N, C-alpha and C. Protein backbone atom coordinates (compact mmCIF):
# COMPACT_ATOMS: atom_id res chain seq x y z
N MET A 1 0.84 -1.19 0.00
CA MET A 1 0.00 0.00 0.00
C MET A 1 0.88 1.24 0.00
N SER A 2 0.40 2.24 -0.67
CA SER A 2 1.15 3.48 -0.67
C SER A 2 0.80 4.29 0.58
N ASN A 3 1.55 5.31 0.79
CA ASN A 3 1.39 6.16 1.97
C ASN A 3 0.02 6.83 1.98
N THR A 4 -0.44 7.27 0.82
CA THR A 4 -1.75 7.95 0.77
C THR A 4 -2.89 6.98 1.04
N GLN A 5 -2.76 5.75 0.58
CA GLN A 5 -3.80 4.75 0.84
C GLN A 5 -3.86 4.41 2.33
N GLU A 6 -2.72 4.35 2.98
CA GLU A 6 -2.68 4.08 4.42
C GLU A 6 -3.32 5.23 5.20
N LYS A 7 -3.01 6.45 4.78
CA LYS A 7 -3.61 7.63 5.44
C LYS A 7 -5.12 7.63 5.24
N ARG A 8 -5.53 7.28 4.00
CA ARG A 8 -6.96 7.25 3.70
C ARG A 8 -7.67 6.20 4.56
N ALA A 9 -7.08 5.04 4.67
CA ALA A 9 -7.67 3.96 5.47
C ALA A 9 -7.75 4.37 6.94
N ALA A 10 -6.68 5.03 7.44
CA ALA A 10 -6.68 5.49 8.83
C ALA A 10 -7.75 6.55 9.06
N LEU A 11 -7.89 7.46 8.12
CA LEU A 11 -8.91 8.51 8.24
C LEU A 11 -10.32 7.93 8.16
N GLU A 12 -10.54 6.95 7.29
CA GLU A 12 -11.85 6.32 7.20
C GLU A 12 -12.19 5.57 8.48
N ALA A 13 -11.21 4.91 9.07
CA ALA A 13 -11.44 4.22 10.34
C ALA A 13 -11.78 5.21 11.44
N LYS A 14 -11.04 6.33 11.46
CA LYS A 14 -11.30 7.38 12.45
C LYS A 14 -12.69 7.99 12.24
N ALA A 15 -13.08 8.16 10.97
CA ALA A 15 -14.40 8.71 10.65
C ALA A 15 -15.50 7.77 11.13
N GLU A 16 -15.31 6.47 10.99
CA GLU A 16 -16.30 5.50 11.47
C GLU A 16 -16.43 5.55 12.99
N ILE A 17 -15.31 5.71 13.68
CA ILE A 17 -15.33 5.81 15.14
C ILE A 17 -16.10 7.06 15.56
N VAL A 18 -15.82 8.18 14.91
CA VAL A 18 -16.51 9.44 15.22
C VAL A 18 -18.00 9.31 14.91
N LYS A 19 -18.32 8.67 13.79
CA LYS A 19 -19.72 8.48 13.41
C LYS A 19 -20.45 7.64 14.46
N ALA A 20 -19.81 6.60 14.95
CA ALA A 20 -20.42 5.76 15.98
C ALA A 20 -20.61 6.55 17.28
N ASP A 21 -19.63 7.38 17.63
CA ASP A 21 -19.75 8.22 18.84
C ASP A 21 -20.91 9.20 18.71
N ILE A 22 -21.03 9.80 17.54
CA ILE A 22 -22.12 10.76 17.32
C ILE A 22 -23.47 10.05 17.39
N ALA A 23 -23.56 8.87 16.79
CA ALA A 23 -24.82 8.12 16.84
C ALA A 23 -25.18 7.76 18.28
N GLU A 24 -24.20 7.41 19.09
CA GLU A 24 -24.45 7.09 20.49
C GLU A 24 -24.92 8.31 21.25
N GLU A 25 -24.29 9.45 21.01
CA GLU A 25 -24.70 10.69 21.68
C GLU A 25 -26.11 11.09 21.27
N ILE A 26 -26.44 10.91 20.00
CA ILE A 26 -27.79 11.25 19.54
C ILE A 26 -28.82 10.36 20.21
N SER A 27 -28.52 9.06 20.34
CA SER A 27 -29.48 8.18 21.01
C SER A 27 -29.63 8.54 22.48
N ASP A 28 -28.54 8.97 23.13
CA ASP A 28 -28.62 9.42 24.52
C ASP A 28 -29.50 10.67 24.63
N ILE A 29 -29.31 11.60 23.71
CA ILE A 29 -30.10 12.84 23.73
C ILE A 29 -31.57 12.53 23.49
N LYS A 30 -31.85 11.59 22.58
CA LYS A 30 -33.24 11.20 22.33
C LYS A 30 -33.87 10.59 23.58
N GLN A 31 -33.12 9.76 24.28
CA GLN A 31 -33.64 9.12 25.49
C GLN A 31 -33.93 10.16 26.57
N ILE A 32 -33.00 11.11 26.75
CA ILE A 32 -33.21 12.17 27.74
C ILE A 32 -34.42 13.02 27.37
N ALA A 33 -34.53 13.37 26.09
CA ALA A 33 -35.67 14.17 25.65
C ALA A 33 -36.98 13.43 25.86
N LYS A 34 -36.97 12.13 25.63
CA LYS A 34 -38.18 11.32 25.83
C LYS A 34 -38.57 11.29 27.30
N GLU A 35 -37.59 11.11 28.19
CA GLU A 35 -37.87 11.07 29.63
C GLU A 35 -38.39 12.42 30.11
N ARG A 36 -37.73 13.49 29.72
CA ARG A 36 -38.16 14.82 30.15
C ARG A 36 -39.52 15.17 29.57
N GLY A 37 -39.75 14.80 28.33
CA GLY A 37 -41.05 15.05 27.72
C GLY A 37 -42.16 14.34 28.46
N MET A 38 -41.88 13.12 28.88
CA MET A 38 -42.89 12.36 29.64
C MET A 38 -43.15 13.03 30.99
N GLN A 39 -42.09 13.49 31.65
CA GLN A 39 -42.26 14.16 32.94
C GLN A 39 -43.05 15.45 32.77
N ILE A 40 -42.74 16.20 31.73
CA ILE A 40 -43.45 17.45 31.48
C ILE A 40 -44.91 17.17 31.15
N ALA A 41 -45.17 16.10 30.40
CA ALA A 41 -46.54 15.75 30.07
C ALA A 41 -47.33 15.37 31.32
N VAL A 42 -46.69 14.65 32.24
CA VAL A 42 -47.36 14.25 33.48
C VAL A 42 -47.68 15.49 34.31
N VAL A 43 -46.71 16.38 34.45
CA VAL A 43 -46.94 17.60 35.23
C VAL A 43 -48.03 18.44 34.57
N GLY A 44 -47.98 18.57 33.27
CA GLY A 44 -49.01 19.33 32.56
C GLY A 44 -50.38 18.70 32.72
N GLY A 45 -50.44 17.37 32.68
CA GLY A 45 -51.71 16.68 32.87
C GLY A 45 -52.28 16.90 34.26
N VAL A 46 -51.40 16.85 35.25
CA VAL A 46 -51.86 17.07 36.63
C VAL A 46 -52.36 18.50 36.79
N LEU A 47 -51.63 19.45 36.21
CA LEU A 47 -52.07 20.85 36.29
C LEU A 47 -53.39 21.06 35.56
N ALA A 48 -53.53 20.45 34.39
CA ALA A 48 -54.78 20.59 33.64
C ALA A 48 -55.94 19.95 34.41
N ALA A 49 -55.68 18.79 34.99
CA ALA A 49 -56.74 18.13 35.76
C ALA A 49 -57.13 18.96 36.98
N SER A 50 -56.13 19.55 37.63
CA SER A 50 -56.45 20.37 38.80
C SER A 50 -57.24 21.61 38.39
N TYR A 51 -56.90 22.19 37.24
CA TYR A 51 -57.65 23.34 36.75
C TYR A 51 -59.09 22.95 36.42
N LEU A 52 -59.24 21.79 35.77
CA LEU A 52 -60.59 21.33 35.44
C LEU A 52 -61.41 21.05 36.70
N LEU A 53 -60.79 20.44 37.69
CA LEU A 53 -61.48 20.20 38.95
C LEU A 53 -61.87 21.52 39.61
N TYR A 54 -60.95 22.46 39.59
CA TYR A 54 -61.22 23.75 40.19
C TYR A 54 -62.38 24.44 39.47
N SER A 55 -62.33 24.46 38.15
CA SER A 55 -63.40 25.14 37.41
C SER A 55 -64.72 24.39 37.54
N LEU A 56 -64.66 23.07 37.67
CA LEU A 56 -65.88 22.29 37.82
C LEU A 56 -66.56 22.58 39.16
N PHE A 57 -65.77 22.63 40.21
CA PHE A 57 -66.34 22.81 41.54
C PHE A 57 -66.54 24.27 41.93
N SER A 58 -65.83 25.18 41.30
CA SER A 58 -65.94 26.58 41.71
C SER A 58 -67.11 27.28 41.04
N GLY A 59 -67.65 26.70 40.00
CA GLY A 59 -68.73 27.36 39.28
C GLY A 59 -68.15 28.33 38.27
N SER A 60 -68.82 28.49 37.19
CA SER A 60 -68.30 29.31 36.11
C SER A 60 -68.79 30.75 36.24
N ASP A 61 -67.89 31.69 35.97
CA ASP A 61 -68.28 33.11 35.95
C ASP A 61 -68.97 33.46 34.65
N LYS A 62 -68.89 32.59 33.65
CA LYS A 62 -69.48 32.87 32.35
C LYS A 62 -71.01 32.81 32.42
N LYS A 63 -71.52 32.02 33.31
CA LYS A 63 -72.97 31.92 33.46
C LYS A 63 -73.45 33.12 34.27
N GLU A 64 -74.28 33.91 33.63
CA GLU A 64 -74.83 35.06 34.34
C GLU A 64 -76.25 34.72 34.77
N SER A 65 -76.44 34.80 36.03
CA SER A 65 -77.75 34.47 36.56
C SER A 65 -78.18 35.57 37.52
N SER A 66 -79.45 35.84 37.53
CA SER A 66 -79.94 36.88 38.43
C SER A 66 -79.98 36.36 39.86
N GLU A 67 -80.03 35.03 40.01
CA GLU A 67 -80.07 34.44 41.35
C GLU A 67 -78.66 34.17 41.83
N LYS A 68 -78.46 34.43 43.08
CA LYS A 68 -77.17 34.12 43.68
C LYS A 68 -77.31 32.79 44.41
N HIS A 69 -76.50 31.82 44.00
CA HIS A 69 -76.60 30.50 44.61
C HIS A 69 -75.68 30.43 45.80
N GLU A 70 -76.24 29.99 46.89
CA GLU A 70 -75.46 29.78 48.10
C GLU A 70 -74.80 28.42 48.00
N SER A 71 -73.49 28.37 48.21
CA SER A 71 -72.82 27.07 48.17
C SER A 71 -72.92 26.43 49.54
N SER A 72 -73.08 25.14 49.53
CA SER A 72 -73.21 24.44 50.79
C SER A 72 -71.84 24.25 51.42
N PHE A 73 -71.86 23.98 52.69
CA PHE A 73 -70.61 23.74 53.41
C PHE A 73 -69.90 22.53 52.84
N LEU A 74 -70.66 21.48 52.54
CA LEU A 74 -70.08 20.25 51.99
C LEU A 74 -69.48 20.51 50.61
N GLY A 75 -70.17 21.26 49.78
CA GLY A 75 -69.66 21.57 48.45
C GLY A 75 -68.36 22.36 48.50
N SER A 76 -68.30 23.36 49.35
CA SER A 76 -67.08 24.15 49.44
C SER A 76 -65.95 23.35 50.06
N ALA A 77 -66.27 22.45 50.99
CA ALA A 77 -65.23 21.60 51.58
C ALA A 77 -64.67 20.65 50.54
N LEU A 78 -65.55 20.07 49.72
CA LEU A 78 -65.09 19.17 48.66
C LEU A 78 -64.23 19.90 47.64
N LYS A 79 -64.65 21.13 47.29
CA LYS A 79 -63.85 21.93 46.35
C LYS A 79 -62.46 22.18 46.91
N SER A 80 -62.40 22.58 48.15
CA SER A 80 -61.11 22.88 48.77
C SER A 80 -60.23 21.65 48.84
N TYR A 81 -60.83 20.52 49.23
CA TYR A 81 -60.06 19.28 49.35
C TYR A 81 -59.55 18.81 47.99
N ALA A 82 -60.41 18.85 46.96
CA ALA A 82 -60.01 18.42 45.62
C ALA A 82 -58.91 19.32 45.06
N LEU A 83 -59.04 20.61 45.27
CA LEU A 83 -58.03 21.55 44.79
C LEU A 83 -56.71 21.35 45.52
N ALA A 84 -56.76 21.15 46.82
CA ALA A 84 -55.53 20.93 47.59
C ALA A 84 -54.85 19.62 47.16
N LEU A 85 -55.65 18.59 46.92
CA LEU A 85 -55.10 17.30 46.49
C LEU A 85 -54.45 17.42 45.12
N ALA A 86 -55.12 18.07 44.18
CA ALA A 86 -54.58 18.21 42.83
C ALA A 86 -53.31 19.07 42.83
N LEU A 87 -53.34 20.16 43.57
CA LEU A 87 -52.15 21.00 43.63
C LEU A 87 -51.00 20.30 44.34
N GLY A 88 -51.31 19.49 45.34
CA GLY A 88 -50.26 18.71 46.01
C GLY A 88 -49.61 17.71 45.07
N LEU A 89 -50.43 17.04 44.27
CA LEU A 89 -49.87 16.10 43.28
C LEU A 89 -49.02 16.83 42.26
N ALA A 90 -49.49 17.98 41.79
CA ALA A 90 -48.72 18.75 40.82
C ALA A 90 -47.40 19.20 41.42
N LYS A 91 -47.43 19.62 42.70
CA LYS A 91 -46.20 20.05 43.37
C LYS A 91 -45.22 18.89 43.49
N ASP A 92 -45.71 17.71 43.86
CA ASP A 92 -44.84 16.54 44.00
C ASP A 92 -44.20 16.17 42.67
N LYS A 93 -44.98 16.17 41.60
CA LYS A 93 -44.44 15.84 40.28
C LYS A 93 -43.41 16.88 39.85
N LEU A 94 -43.69 18.14 40.09
CA LEU A 94 -42.76 19.20 39.72
C LEU A 94 -41.48 19.11 40.53
N MET A 95 -41.58 18.81 41.81
CA MET A 95 -40.38 18.67 42.65
C MET A 95 -39.55 17.48 42.21
N ALA A 96 -40.21 16.37 41.87
CA ALA A 96 -39.47 15.18 41.39
C ALA A 96 -38.75 15.49 40.09
N TYR A 97 -39.41 16.24 39.21
CA TYR A 97 -38.79 16.62 37.94
C TYR A 97 -37.58 17.52 38.18
N LEU A 98 -37.73 18.50 39.05
CA LEU A 98 -36.62 19.41 39.33
C LEU A 98 -35.45 18.68 40.00
N GLN A 99 -35.74 17.73 40.88
CA GLN A 99 -34.68 16.95 41.51
C GLN A 99 -33.97 16.07 40.51
N SER A 100 -34.71 15.52 39.54
CA SER A 100 -34.06 14.70 38.52
C SER A 100 -33.16 15.57 37.64
N LEU A 101 -33.60 16.78 37.34
CA LEU A 101 -32.75 17.70 36.58
C LEU A 101 -31.49 18.05 37.35
N GLU A 102 -31.66 18.30 38.64
CA GLU A 102 -30.52 18.66 39.48
C GLU A 102 -29.53 17.50 39.59
N SER A 103 -30.04 16.28 39.74
CA SER A 103 -29.16 15.13 39.88
C SER A 103 -28.45 14.83 38.55
N GLU A 104 -29.08 15.12 37.42
CA GLU A 104 -28.44 14.92 36.12
C GLU A 104 -27.36 15.97 35.88
N GLN A 105 -27.57 17.18 36.38
CA GLN A 105 -26.60 18.24 36.17
C GLN A 105 -25.43 18.15 37.14
N ALA A 106 -25.62 17.52 38.29
CA ALA A 106 -24.55 17.42 39.30
C ALA A 106 -23.35 16.62 38.77
N PRO A 107 -23.52 15.45 38.13
CA PRO A 107 -22.36 14.74 37.60
C PRO A 107 -21.66 15.51 36.47
N GLU A 108 -22.45 16.26 35.70
CA GLU A 108 -21.85 17.05 34.62
C GLU A 108 -20.93 18.12 35.15
N THR A 109 -21.29 18.77 36.25
CA THR A 109 -20.45 19.83 36.80
C THR A 109 -19.20 19.25 37.45
N LYS A 110 -19.31 18.02 37.98
CA LYS A 110 -18.14 17.39 38.59
C LYS A 110 -17.13 16.99 37.53
N GLN A 111 -17.60 16.64 36.32
CA GLN A 111 -16.70 16.23 35.27
C GLN A 111 -15.97 17.41 34.66
N ASP A 112 -16.58 18.59 34.66
CA ASP A 112 -15.97 19.78 34.04
C ASP A 112 -14.79 20.27 34.78
């Protein structure tokens, strides 16, 4: 083999190694994006559900009625409990997501 053919073969081998590294990094990024997307979807779902529960139990301001409806003690207690439960779940999911982000970033800062 001539010198240029050897250099070409070495460069092609190096290019394959770099290509494999890039493919591995891309698959890692896809996995991280998938995990974070799922966490964000769960948090968004919990927030949407809590908003729907709140709007369901609080009554809509869009309905204009000449009569003022008195809410019962039981109804207002259920509204408060449902809202507190939904917001608590949303807080827990958000805290778990933030802790996972923090734990993922901690090894990165140690390596730098």
